[in-house]
Each structure stands twice: as structure tokens, then as C-alpha cells.
Amino acid sequence: MQTHFTEEQLRDPGTARSNEILRACVHCGFCTATCPTYQVLGDELDSPRGRIYLIKDMLENRRKPDEKTVQHIDRCLSCLACMTTCPSGVHYMHLVDHAREYIEQHYDRPWHDRTLRWVLARILPYPMRFRVALLLAKIGKPFAPLIPDARLRAMLSMAPKQIPPVSRNDDPQTFAPAAERKMRVALMTGCAQKALNTDINDATIRLLTRLGCEVVVADGAGCCGALTHHMGKTDESHATAAKNIRAWVAEMDGQGLDAIVINTSGCGTTVKDYGHMFRQGALAGEAARVSAIAMDVSEVLMRLDLPEGTASPMTVAYHAACSLQHGQQIKTFPKDLLKRAGFTVVEPADSHLCCGSAGTYNLMQPKISAQLKDRKVKTLEARNPDVIAAGNIGCMMQIGGGTDVPIVHTVELLDWATGGPVPPAMLTRGKRAPEIPKLR
């Protein structure tokens, strides 16, 4: 794609990066075939190619964003399926992130939109605030049909029936390996996950220590910054990310780290991009070091000696989170691990398509999100699974709200298969779950 940015514009690092990305696009349209919003809405401007045209025009002309442009960019899930499909290597993620930052700086959103985004940015990254909000949402949930605003109804409907107790495993501490130490890793415990589902981090710690990892929960680490980053709130997201970088570098420079383990794939995609996010400034070197050893939990488990299980009658439908298969290009590891543990693994049709969660997307674009969720649930249930496995808390909450089939994190199944407890979700959801035998 031909661009016409001025030399002055290109002195801005964000614009220079966007210029590189725009020039790589050849207008082929392959991205439209795998774009969920284009499939649902059928509008070229709701496809990656259409959004690229809008972003180019907005940035190149230094144009104040108009309502039409903002609407189409807001509708983007950032599922990054387009990046997997693109034959030209267009790094759409960096482009749309820059566009959102530009919109945040130059567009005056309606007051109710600004308020919603402000509230989400002040609650979701903070586990205790989020817990209080979930409690209030649980109280208000019966009144959801009376609320005219679709986004507020969506927020209430997402409230879980039970709010899990606080897990002390999330506090800064070190967990000794159960066997000879093979690795020393830092576990990112996250933010929203700590309020929504404490079983995931607990299972991750048990599994890693069982397989010979010394697991550190670093003092000062918290939210990865993705939630505010994808709203274009760059200063807030970078401030949050900087705390993680400093906390993990302190461990790297202390007793050392072999990996930073992340069990929420949306966070993993962001942390692996810290090197780009902080490429300018004092933390550039430290951010690059962090990104270099950041790994999804499945990547770490592939390096460890996971015991091979006996064949199980249990069928696991594996849902590939977009941030894992497209953002991190990790496609087979979770399935390989589940098969090694003895599970029968199946996948839904169109497994490359998003479930509609996408961070805060299901709260800010509830209508489109609901359509994507319904389609995903239908394709998963068509495989008649005993349980659904996923590697991202957002997907788990989204899909779990539309099916009676238990949904658990991949590490919960692997922990169970190697001597851990039955995943709690399997004991409380679904009629068949209690009948499924433990593997060992």
C-alpha cells in the first residue's frame, strides 16, 4: 500500500511503525475470509482490510476521528486471525493498537461511553475492586431485564453465580519443587483471573512444582496492562506493565529465572510484546529481557517431563483462544499435552474463529459478542464433549455462560491427570461430569 506520511510525521515512533505496516499490505483481501466481524456484519469496513483503509486515512491526514471510523475500529476484536491468514506479514496488532491510542487522544466520545470505559479501567485490573463489583452485579443480576442499556445488561449477565474465595497462592512467595529442580519460573497471577477463577493459578502451581519447577510469585507483579492497552489508554497500560517488568527483572537479576509463565493467553500476547511497547525509553532493555523469556504455560510444560497417561474415556473439546493460536502462534502444544495425559481431544468446526470474549469486547459490543458466542458454543457442543478446555479466562467465562458442559483450563485437566484434585467446575456443572473417572 502506498503511503504519504511527511518526514515530520515519521519522526513519531508510532506513526513510523504504522507506516511500515501499511506499506506491507497488498490489498489481497485474504484477511476477510477469517475475520469474525466481517462474517457477522458483512461490511468491508468491518474487515481488517477496510479498517486498514480507515486507519491510513485518519493517521496520514492527521484527521480528527469521526464517529464512523471509531465505530468500525471499536468493532474489531483484535482476535488477530487476520495476521495468521495474511501472506504479506502485515502486523495488524501494532497498527490497530496505534489507531486506538490515536482515537483515545483525539476523539471526544459520548459521556456514557467515556464513563463505561473509565469504570472498566478502574475496576477490572484490580482484583479486590473487581470482586466488589462482581458482588454488586450478582445482587443486581435479577433486575437485568429492566435495564435499557445493552452493555449494562451484559455486565450483569457476566456475573458468576459464585465468587471464589481469595487464594493465598496469589501472594508474593516461592513454591519449592516436589522433585529435583529443573527450572525456576515466575508465575504471572494476573488480575481479573484472580477474582473470577482461583482454581487456575492453584492448579498451575501444583502442576509445575510436581514436574520440578520452583515457582515464584514476584512481589510487585500484577495486571499485564492489556485491558487498558486495548482501550488506547497507553499511559495507564504502560504504568501497569512497568511494574511487572521491574518485579520480574529483580528476580532475573537475583536468583534468576528460566521463564515467566503465563496461563492467560491474552496476557501472554501482551507480555511478549513488552519489548515493542517499551522500545523507546529507559525500560527498553529490561522490557526486551522480559519478553524474551515470557512463555505460555503450555510452552513450559512441553519442556518438562509430563507423565504419559493411560487412555481415558473422557472426551475433551479444545477451544483455541485467539490470543494463543493467532497472537502467540501456539496451535498444537495444549492438544499435544492433553493427548499425552490420555484424554481424547476433539476440536470444533471453524476453530480459528473468535468466541467473542476478546478482553472487554463482550461488555462493550454485547450484540456482536453474543452472536459469536452462540456460534462457538454450537460448534463445541456438536462434538458431544464431556468437558471443554481452554487456555484463557475470558474465553472460559464467555463460553461457560452459554453451555452446561463444564469448561476448565487446560492446566486443571493436566493437574488432575498427574495426581491433583478433580477440577471443581466438573463437580458443579453438567450431569455427566461426576461420572467421569479420574485418570490416576
Protein backbone atom coordinates (compact mmCIF):
# COMPACT_ATOMS: atom_id res chain seq x y z
CA MET A 1 0.00 0.00 0.00
CA GLN A 2 1.35 3.42 -0.93
CA THR A 3 1.56 5.92 1.91
CA HIS A 4 2.28 9.65 2.05
CA PHE A 5 3.36 10.46 5.58
CA THR A 6 5.56 13.52 5.96
CA GLU A 7 9.05 13.40 7.43
CA GLU A 8 7.72 15.21 10.47
CA GLN A 9 5.05 12.58 10.98
CA LEU A 10 7.54 9.75 10.61
CA ARG A 11 9.63 11.11 13.44
CA ASP A 12 6.90 9.80 15.75
CA PRO A 13 7.78 6.12 16.51
CA GLY A 14 4.13 5.03 16.47
CA THR A 15 3.47 6.60 13.10
CA ALA A 16 6.71 5.22 11.68
CA ARG A 17 5.71 1.72 12.77
CA SER A 18 2.21 2.13 11.32
CA ASN A 19 3.74 3.32 8.05
CA GLU A 20 5.81 0.11 7.84
CA ILE A 21 2.73 -1.99 8.46
CA LEU A 22 0.55 -0.13 5.95
CA ARG A 23 3.20 -0.46 3.25
CA ALA A 24 3.26 -4.23 3.75
CA CYS A 25 -0.46 -4.56 2.89
CA VAL A 26 -1.15 -5.59 -0.74
CA HIS A 27 -4.98 -5.34 -0.59
CA CYS A 28 -5.36 -9.08 -1.29
CA GLY A 29 -8.37 -9.50 0.99
CA PHE A 30 -7.36 -12.90 2.37
CA CYS A 31 -7.99 -11.45 5.83
CA THR A 32 -11.70 -11.01 5.16
CA ALA A 33 -12.18 -14.79 4.98
CA THR A 34 -11.16 -15.28 8.61
CA CYS A 35 -12.42 -12.05 10.18
CA PRO A 36 -15.28 -12.82 12.61
CA THR A 37 -16.85 -9.35 12.45
CA TYR A 38 -16.85 -9.36 8.65
CA GLN A 39 -18.57 -12.73 8.69
CA VAL A 40 -21.20 -11.50 11.11
CA LEU A 41 -21.75 -7.98 9.72
CA GLY A 42 -20.81 -8.38 6.04
CA ASP A 43 -19.39 -4.85 5.85
CA GLU A 44 -16.00 -4.33 4.18
CA LEU A 45 -15.22 -1.64 6.76
CA ASP A 46 -15.67 -4.26 9.47
CA SER A 47 -12.88 -6.35 7.97
CA PRO A 48 -9.12 -5.87 8.54
CA ARG A 49 -8.67 -4.53 5.00
CA GLY A 50 -11.45 -2.00 5.48
CA ARG A 51 -10.14 -0.90 8.85
CA ILE A 52 -6.65 -0.53 7.39
CA TYR A 53 -8.02 1.96 4.85
CA LEU A 54 -9.77 3.90 7.61
CA ILE A 55 -6.67 3.94 9.82
CA LYS A 56 -4.43 5.04 6.95
CA ASP A 57 -6.72 7.94 6.09
CA MET A 58 -7.05 9.00 9.72
CA LEU A 59 -3.34 8.88 10.54
CA GLU A 60 -1.96 10.15 7.25
CA ASN A 61 -4.22 13.20 7.18
CA ARG A 62 -3.96 13.81 10.91
CA ARG A 63 -7.72 13.74 10.82
CA LYS A 64 -9.85 14.05 13.90
CA PRO A 65 -11.54 10.65 14.17
CA ASP A 66 -15.16 10.67 13.13
CA GLU A 67 -17.96 8.52 14.51
CA LYS A 68 -17.91 6.14 11.54
CA THR A 69 -14.19 5.41 11.81
CA VAL A 70 -14.37 4.94 15.58
CA GLN A 71 -17.35 2.61 15.27
CA HIS A 72 -15.62 0.26 12.85
CA ILE A 73 -12.35 0.21 14.81
CA ASP A 74 -14.23 -0.33 18.08
CA ARG A 75 -15.91 -3.35 16.49
CA CYS A 76 -12.53 -5.02 15.91
CA LEU A 77 -12.00 -7.93 18.31
CA SER A 78 -8.20 -7.86 18.00
CA CYS A 79 -8.51 -11.62 17.60
CA LEU A 80 -5.58 -11.40 15.13
CA ALA A 81 -6.90 -14.16 12.87
CA CYS A 82 -6.03 -11.79 10.04
CA MET A 83 -2.36 -11.98 11.00
CA THR A 84 -2.40 -15.77 10.76
CA THR A 85 -4.03 -15.55 7.33
CA CYS A 86 -2.05 -12.65 5.85
CA PRO A 87 0.51 -13.80 3.23
CA SER A 88 2.34 -10.46 3.43
CA GLY A 89 3.06 -10.47 7.16
CA VAL A 90 1.01 -7.36 7.95
CA HIS A 91 1.35 -6.80 11.72
CA TYR A 92 -2.23 -5.69 12.22
CA MET A 93 -1.96 -5.81 16.03
CA HIS A 94 0.51 -2.93 16.24
CA LEU A 95 -1.48 -0.93 13.70
CA VAL A 96 -4.85 -1.21 15.42
CA ASP A 97 -3.25 -0.55 18.82
CA HIS A 98 -1.77 2.68 17.47
CA ALA A 99 -5.13 3.62 15.97
CA ARG A 100 -6.86 3.12 19.30
CA GLU A 101 -4.28 5.26 21.05
CA TYR A 102 -4.82 7.99 18.43
CA ILE A 103 -8.59 7.78 18.90
CA GLU A 104 -8.25 7.98 22.67
CA GLN A 105 -6.20 11.16 22.29
CA HIS A 106 -8.26 12.90 19.60
CA TYR A 107 -11.86 11.69 19.77
CA ASP A 108 -14.45 13.03 22.18
CA ARG A 109 -16.60 10.01 22.97
CA PRO A 110 -20.17 10.38 24.25
CA TRP A 111 -20.26 10.76 28.01
CA HIS A 112 -21.83 7.34 28.65
CA ASP A 113 -19.12 5.67 26.55
CA ARG A 114 -16.36 7.56 28.36
CA THR A 115 -17.91 6.65 31.71
CA LEU A 116 -18.12 2.94 30.88
CA ARG A 117 -14.50 2.83 29.74
CA TRP A 118 -13.36 4.75 32.80
CA VAL A 119 -15.20 2.35 35.10
CA LEU A 120 -13.81 -0.74 33.38
CA ALA A 121 -10.27 0.66 33.51
CA ARG A 122 -10.64 1.39 37.23
CA ILE A 123 -12.15 -1.98 38.20
CA LEU A 124 -11.08 -4.92 36.02
CA PRO A 125 -7.28 -4.66 36.53
CA TYR A 126 -7.71 -4.57 40.32
CA PRO A 127 -8.79 -7.94 41.80
CA MET A 128 -10.34 -6.66 45.04
CA ARG A 129 -12.26 -3.89 43.28
CA PHE A 130 -13.39 -6.44 40.72
CA ARG A 131 -14.60 -8.77 43.48
CA VAL A 132 -16.72 -5.99 44.97
CA ALA A 133 -18.11 -5.18 41.51
CA LEU A 134 -18.94 -8.86 40.96
CA LEU A 135 -20.79 -8.98 44.27
CA LEU A 136 -22.84 -5.91 43.33
CA ALA A 137 -23.50 -7.36 39.87
CA LYS A 138 -24.66 -10.61 41.45
CA ILE A 139 -27.15 -8.66 43.57
CA GLY A 140 -28.37 -6.70 40.55
CA LYS A 141 -28.48 -9.63 38.13
CA PRO A 142 -32.21 -10.44 38.65
CA PHE A 143 -33.05 -6.90 37.55
CA ALA A 144 -31.01 -7.05 34.33
CA PRO A 145 -34.08 -7.34 32.00
CA LEU A 146 -35.31 -3.99 33.33
CA ILE A 147 -32.14 -2.13 32.33
CA PRO A 148 -32.39 -0.45 28.91
CA ASP A 149 -28.66 -0.22 28.19
CA ALA A 150 -27.45 -3.43 26.48
CA ARG A 151 -23.91 -3.01 27.77
CA LEU A 152 -25.00 -2.73 31.39
CA ARG A 153 -27.20 -5.79 30.92
CA ALA A 154 -24.19 -7.64 29.54
CA MET A 155 -22.10 -6.67 32.54
CA LEU A 156 -24.73 -8.02 34.93
CA SER A 157 -25.23 -11.22 32.94
CA MET A 158 -21.49 -11.98 33.10
CA ALA A 159 -21.51 -12.09 36.90
CA PRO A 160 -20.75 -15.66 38.08
CA LYS A 161 -23.15 -17.49 40.37
CA GLN A 162 -20.38 -17.91 42.91
CA ILE A 163 -17.42 -15.65 43.60
CA PRO A 164 -14.42 -17.81 44.51
CA PRO A 165 -12.61 -17.25 47.82
CA VAL A 166 -9.32 -15.39 47.74
CA SER A 167 -6.37 -17.71 47.10
CA ARG A 168 -3.31 -17.10 49.21
CA ASN A 169 -1.24 -18.71 46.46
CA ASP A 170 -1.50 -15.38 44.65
CA ASP A 171 0.51 -13.59 47.36
CA PRO A 172 4.24 -12.97 46.71
CA GLN A 173 6.06 -16.16 47.70
CA THR A 174 8.14 -19.08 46.42
CA PHE A 175 6.91 -22.65 45.97
CA ALA A 176 9.56 -25.35 46.19
CA PRO A 177 9.66 -28.11 43.56
CA ALA A 178 8.32 -31.51 44.65
CA ALA A 179 11.20 -33.25 42.88
CA GLU A 180 14.67 -32.31 41.65
CA ARG A 181 14.60 -28.73 40.41
CA LYS A 182 14.59 -28.44 36.64
CA MET A 183 13.55 -24.81 36.22
CA ARG A 184 12.98 -21.66 38.24
CA VAL A 185 9.99 -19.74 36.90
CA ALA A 186 7.89 -16.73 37.80
CA LEU A 187 4.14 -17.23 37.55
CA MET A 188 2.07 -14.28 36.42
CA THR A 189 -1.07 -14.49 38.56
CA GLY A 190 -2.84 -11.71 36.66
CA CYS A 191 -5.77 -9.56 37.73
CA ALA A 192 -9.28 -10.48 36.54
CA GLN A 193 -8.47 -14.17 36.77
CA LYS A 194 -7.69 -13.78 40.49
CA ALA A 195 -11.25 -12.57 41.02
CA LEU A 196 -13.08 -14.86 38.60
CA ASN A 197 -11.35 -18.22 38.99
CA THR A 198 -8.69 -19.01 41.58
CA ASP A 199 -8.54 -22.70 40.58
CA ILE A 200 -6.36 -21.94 37.55
CA ASN A 201 -3.36 -20.47 39.37
CA ASP A 202 -3.66 -23.09 42.12
CA ALA A 203 -3.60 -25.92 39.54
CA THR A 204 -0.70 -24.29 37.67
CA ILE A 205 1.42 -24.10 40.83
CA ARG A 206 0.67 -27.71 41.77
CA LEU A 207 1.45 -28.97 38.28
CA LEU A 208 4.67 -27.03 37.81
CA THR A 209 6.08 -27.90 41.22
CA ARG A 210 5.12 -31.56 40.70
CA LEU A 211 7.13 -31.54 37.46
CA GLY A 212 10.23 -30.00 39.05
CA CYS A 213 9.75 -26.23 38.86
CA GLU A 214 10.49 -23.75 41.59
CA VAL A 215 7.64 -21.28 41.19
CA VAL A 216 7.95 -17.65 42.23
CA VAL A 217 5.09 -15.18 42.57
CA ALA A 218 7.09 -11.97 42.26
CA ASP A 219 6.45 -9.08 44.61
CA GLY A 220 5.01 -6.13 42.67
CA ALA A 221 3.74 -8.03 39.62
CA GLY A 222 0.07 -7.75 38.69
CA CYS A 223 -2.09 -6.85 35.71
CA CYS A 224 -0.28 -7.12 32.37
CA GLY A 225 -1.87 -3.89 31.09
CA ALA A 226 -3.79 -5.47 28.22
CA LEU A 227 -7.23 -4.25 29.30
CA THR A 228 -6.27 -0.58 29.21
CA HIS A 229 -3.82 -1.04 26.34
CA HIS A 230 -6.62 -2.19 24.02
CA MET A 231 -8.71 0.83 25.03
CA GLY A 232 -5.93 3.10 23.80
CA LYS A 233 -5.08 4.22 27.34
CA THR A 234 -1.34 3.95 26.77
CA ASP A 235 -0.11 5.81 29.84
CA GLU A 236 -2.17 3.60 32.14
CA SER A 237 -1.23 0.36 30.43
CA HIS A 238 2.47 1.22 30.37
CA ALA A 239 2.46 2.17 34.05
CA THR A 240 0.97 -1.22 34.91
CA ALA A 241 3.33 -3.10 32.61
CA ALA A 242 6.35 -1.26 34.01
CA LYS A 243 5.60 -2.65 37.49
CA ASN A 244 5.73 -6.17 36.08
CA ILE A 245 8.96 -5.52 34.25
CA ARG A 246 10.66 -4.21 37.38
CA ALA A 247 9.33 -7.07 39.52
CA TRP A 248 10.47 -9.78 37.12
CA VAL A 249 13.84 -8.18 36.35
CA ALA A 250 14.51 -8.12 40.09
CA GLU A 251 14.01 -11.90 40.13
CA MET A 252 16.07 -12.36 36.96
CA ASP A 253 18.95 -10.38 38.47
CA GLY A 254 18.54 -12.13 41.83
CA GLN A 255 18.24 -15.91 41.84
CA GLY A 256 17.49 -15.98 38.12
CA LEU A 257 14.52 -17.11 36.04
CA ASP A 258 14.27 -19.65 33.25
CA ALA A 259 10.82 -18.44 32.23
CA ILE A 260 7.95 -16.15 33.07
CA VAL A 261 4.92 -18.44 32.94
CA ILE A 262 1.58 -17.03 31.85
CA ASN A 263 -1.62 -19.10 31.96
CA THR A 264 -3.92 -16.47 30.49
CA SER A 265 -3.14 -16.27 26.80
CA GLY A 266 -4.41 -12.71 26.37
CA CYS A 267 -1.88 -11.59 28.97
CA GLY A 268 0.81 -13.69 27.32
CA THR A 269 0.36 -11.96 23.98
CA THR A 270 0.77 -8.58 25.68
CA VAL A 271 3.79 -9.51 27.83
CA LYS A 272 5.55 -10.99 24.82
CA ASP A 273 5.06 -7.59 23.17
CA TYR A 274 6.58 -5.58 26.03
CA GLY A 275 9.79 -5.28 24.03
CA HIS A 276 7.87 -3.39 21.33
CA MET A 277 5.73 -1.38 23.75
CA PHE A 278 8.80 -0.08 25.60
CA ARG A 279 11.17 0.13 22.63
CA GLN A 280 11.62 3.84 23.36
CA GLY A 281 12.75 4.90 26.81
CA ALA A 282 14.59 3.81 29.91
CA LEU A 283 12.93 0.39 30.24
CA ALA A 284 13.65 -0.75 26.67
CA GLY A 285 16.39 -3.21 27.63
CA GLU A 286 14.56 -4.65 30.63
CA ALA A 287 11.30 -4.99 28.67
CA ALA A 288 13.09 -6.89 25.91
CA ARG A 289 14.60 -9.24 28.50
CA VAL A 290 11.16 -9.95 29.97
CA SER A 291 9.57 -10.57 26.58
CA ALA A 292 12.39 -12.96 25.66
CA ILE A 293 11.57 -15.40 28.47
CA ALA A 294 7.78 -14.92 28.64
CA MET A 295 6.05 -18.23 27.84
CA ASP A 296 2.57 -19.63 27.78
CA VAL A 297 2.24 -22.40 30.36
CA SER A 298 1.89 -24.95 27.54
CA GLU A 299 5.32 -23.94 26.18
CA VAL A 300 6.91 -24.58 29.58
CA LEU A 301 5.09 -27.90 30.05
CA MET A 302 6.40 -29.10 26.68
CA ARG A 303 9.92 -28.70 28.12
CA LEU A 304 9.13 -30.75 31.19
CA ASP A 305 8.64 -34.49 31.52
CA LEU A 306 4.85 -34.70 31.69
CA PRO A 307 3.93 -38.31 32.56
CA GLU A 308 2.17 -40.24 29.84
CA GLY A 309 -1.31 -41.25 30.94
CA THR A 310 -3.37 -44.28 30.14
CA ALA A 311 -6.27 -43.94 27.72
CA SER A 312 -9.29 -42.19 29.23
CA PRO A 313 -12.92 -42.46 28.12
CA MET A 314 -13.20 -38.73 28.57
CA THR A 315 -13.62 -36.51 25.50
CA VAL A 316 -12.17 -33.02 25.75
CA ALA A 317 -13.27 -30.36 23.27
CA TYR A 318 -10.32 -27.99 22.98
CA HIS A 319 -11.15 -24.34 22.36
CA ALA A 320 -8.18 -22.48 20.89
CA ALA A 321 -8.10 -18.96 22.31
CA CYS A 322 -7.37 -16.37 19.62
CA SER A 323 -4.61 -14.79 21.67
CA LEU A 324 -2.88 -18.18 21.83
CA GLN A 325 -3.32 -19.51 18.30
CA HIS A 326 -3.10 -16.17 16.47
CA GLY A 327 -1.40 -13.81 18.91
CA GLN A 328 1.31 -16.24 20.02
CA GLN A 329 1.09 -18.75 17.18
CA ILE A 330 0.80 -21.65 19.64
CA LYS A 331 -1.51 -24.13 17.97
CA THR A 332 -0.63 -27.71 18.94
CA PHE A 333 1.03 -27.68 22.37
CA PRO A 334 -2.15 -27.74 24.52
CA LYS A 335 -3.66 -30.51 22.41
CA ASP A 336 -0.41 -32.49 22.46
CA LEU A 337 -0.25 -32.26 26.24
CA LEU A 338 -3.85 -33.34 26.74
CA LYS A 339 -3.36 -36.31 24.42
CA ARG A 340 -0.18 -37.29 26.24
CA ALA A 341 -2.11 -37.26 29.50
CA GLY A 342 -4.56 -39.76 27.97
CA PHE A 343 -7.52 -37.59 27.01
CA THR A 344 -9.40 -37.90 23.74
CA VAL A 345 -9.17 -34.45 22.18
CA VAL A 346 -11.61 -33.05 19.62
CA GLU A 347 -11.92 -29.60 18.08
CA PRO A 348 -14.98 -27.63 16.93
CA ALA A 349 -15.63 -26.58 13.36
CA ASP A 350 -14.07 -23.22 12.47
CA SER A 351 -11.77 -23.45 15.47
CA HIS A 352 -9.87 -20.41 14.19
CA LEU A 353 -12.82 -18.09 14.83
CA CYS A 354 -13.21 -15.99 17.98
CA CYS A 355 -15.72 -16.80 20.73
CA GLY A 356 -16.49 -13.09 21.15
CA SER A 357 -14.87 -12.52 24.54
CA ALA A 358 -11.78 -10.52 23.48
CA GLY A 359 -10.99 -8.79 26.76
CA THR A 360 -13.73 -6.22 27.36
CA TYR A 361 -15.33 -6.70 23.93
CA ASN A 362 -18.22 -8.75 25.30
CA LEU A 363 -19.05 -5.83 27.61
CA MET A 364 -18.67 -3.03 25.06
CA GLN A 365 -20.02 -4.82 21.97
CA PRO A 366 -22.52 -7.26 23.52
CA LYS A 367 -24.66 -7.86 20.42
CA ILE A 368 -21.81 -8.96 18.15
CA SER A 369 -20.18 -10.83 21.01
CA ALA A 370 -23.37 -12.79 21.70
CA GLN A 371 -23.60 -13.88 18.07
CA LEU A 372 -20.03 -15.13 18.12
CA LYS A 373 -20.57 -16.89 21.45
CA ASP A 374 -23.67 -18.69 20.23
CA ARG A 375 -21.84 -19.93 17.15
CA LYS A 376 -18.84 -21.08 19.17
CA VAL A 377 -20.97 -22.90 21.74
CA LYS A 378 -22.94 -24.64 18.99
CA THR A 379 -19.79 -25.94 17.29
CA LEU A 380 -18.30 -27.10 20.59
CA GLU A 381 -21.45 -28.90 21.73
CA ALA A 382 -21.70 -30.57 18.32
CA ARG A 383 -18.63 -32.64 19.29
CA ASN A 384 -20.53 -34.02 22.30
CA PRO A 385 -17.67 -33.48 24.76
CA ASP A 386 -17.52 -34.38 28.44
CA VAL A 387 -15.62 -31.19 29.15
CA ILE A 388 -14.35 -28.12 27.28
CA ALA A 389 -10.75 -26.99 27.80
CA ALA A 390 -9.35 -23.53 27.06
CA GLY A 391 -6.25 -21.52 27.92
CA ASN A 392 -7.78 -18.12 28.60
CA ILE A 393 -10.08 -16.98 31.41
CA GLY A 394 -12.01 -14.61 29.13
CA CYS A 395 -12.93 -17.45 26.76
CA MET A 396 -13.88 -19.64 29.70
CA MET A 397 -16.28 -17.05 31.08
CA GLN A 398 -17.74 -16.30 27.65
CA ILE A 399 -18.32 -19.90 26.57
CA GLY A 400 -19.31 -21.03 30.06
CA GLY A 401 -22.18 -18.58 30.03
CA GLY A 402 -23.78 -20.37 27.08
CA THR A 403 -23.42 -24.09 27.82
CA ASP A 404 -23.99 -26.67 30.55
CA VAL A 405 -20.84 -28.57 29.52
CA PRO A 406 -18.14 -27.98 32.17
CA ILE A 407 -15.35 -25.70 30.98
CA VAL A 408 -11.93 -25.74 32.63
CA HIS A 409 -8.42 -24.52 31.96
CA THR A 410 -6.07 -26.95 30.22
CA VAL A 411 -3.74 -26.96 33.23
CA GLU A 412 -6.58 -28.08 35.50
CA LEU A 413 -7.02 -31.24 33.44
CA LEU A 414 -3.28 -31.87 33.33
CA ASP A 415 -3.00 -31.29 37.07
CA TRP A 416 -5.85 -33.77 37.65
CA ALA A 417 -4.28 -36.33 35.34
CA THR A 418 -0.98 -36.21 37.23
CA GLY A 419 -2.29 -36.51 40.76
CA GLY A 420 -4.16 -33.28 41.51
CA PRO A 421 -7.80 -32.87 42.51
CA VAL A 422 -10.77 -33.05 40.16
CA PRO A 423 -11.31 -29.58 38.62
CA PRO A 424 -14.07 -28.01 40.75
CA ALA A 425 -16.05 -26.89 37.69
CA MET A 426 -16.51 -30.55 36.74
CA LEU A 427 -18.20 -31.25 40.07
CA THR A 428 -20.67 -28.39 39.86
CA ARG A 429 -21.64 -28.21 36.19
CA GLY A 430 -23.10 -30.74 33.82
CA LYS A 431 -24.91 -34.00 34.53
CA ARG A 432 -22.17 -36.31 33.30
CA ALA A 433 -19.16 -34.73 34.97
CA PRO A 434 -19.30 -36.56 38.34
CA GLU A 435 -19.35 -39.90 36.50
CA ILE A 436 -16.09 -39.23 34.64
CA PRO A 437 -13.27 -41.21 36.31
CA LYS A 438 -10.03 -39.68 37.43
CA LEU A 439 -7.15 -40.70 35.23
CA ARG A 440 -4.82 -41.76 38.02
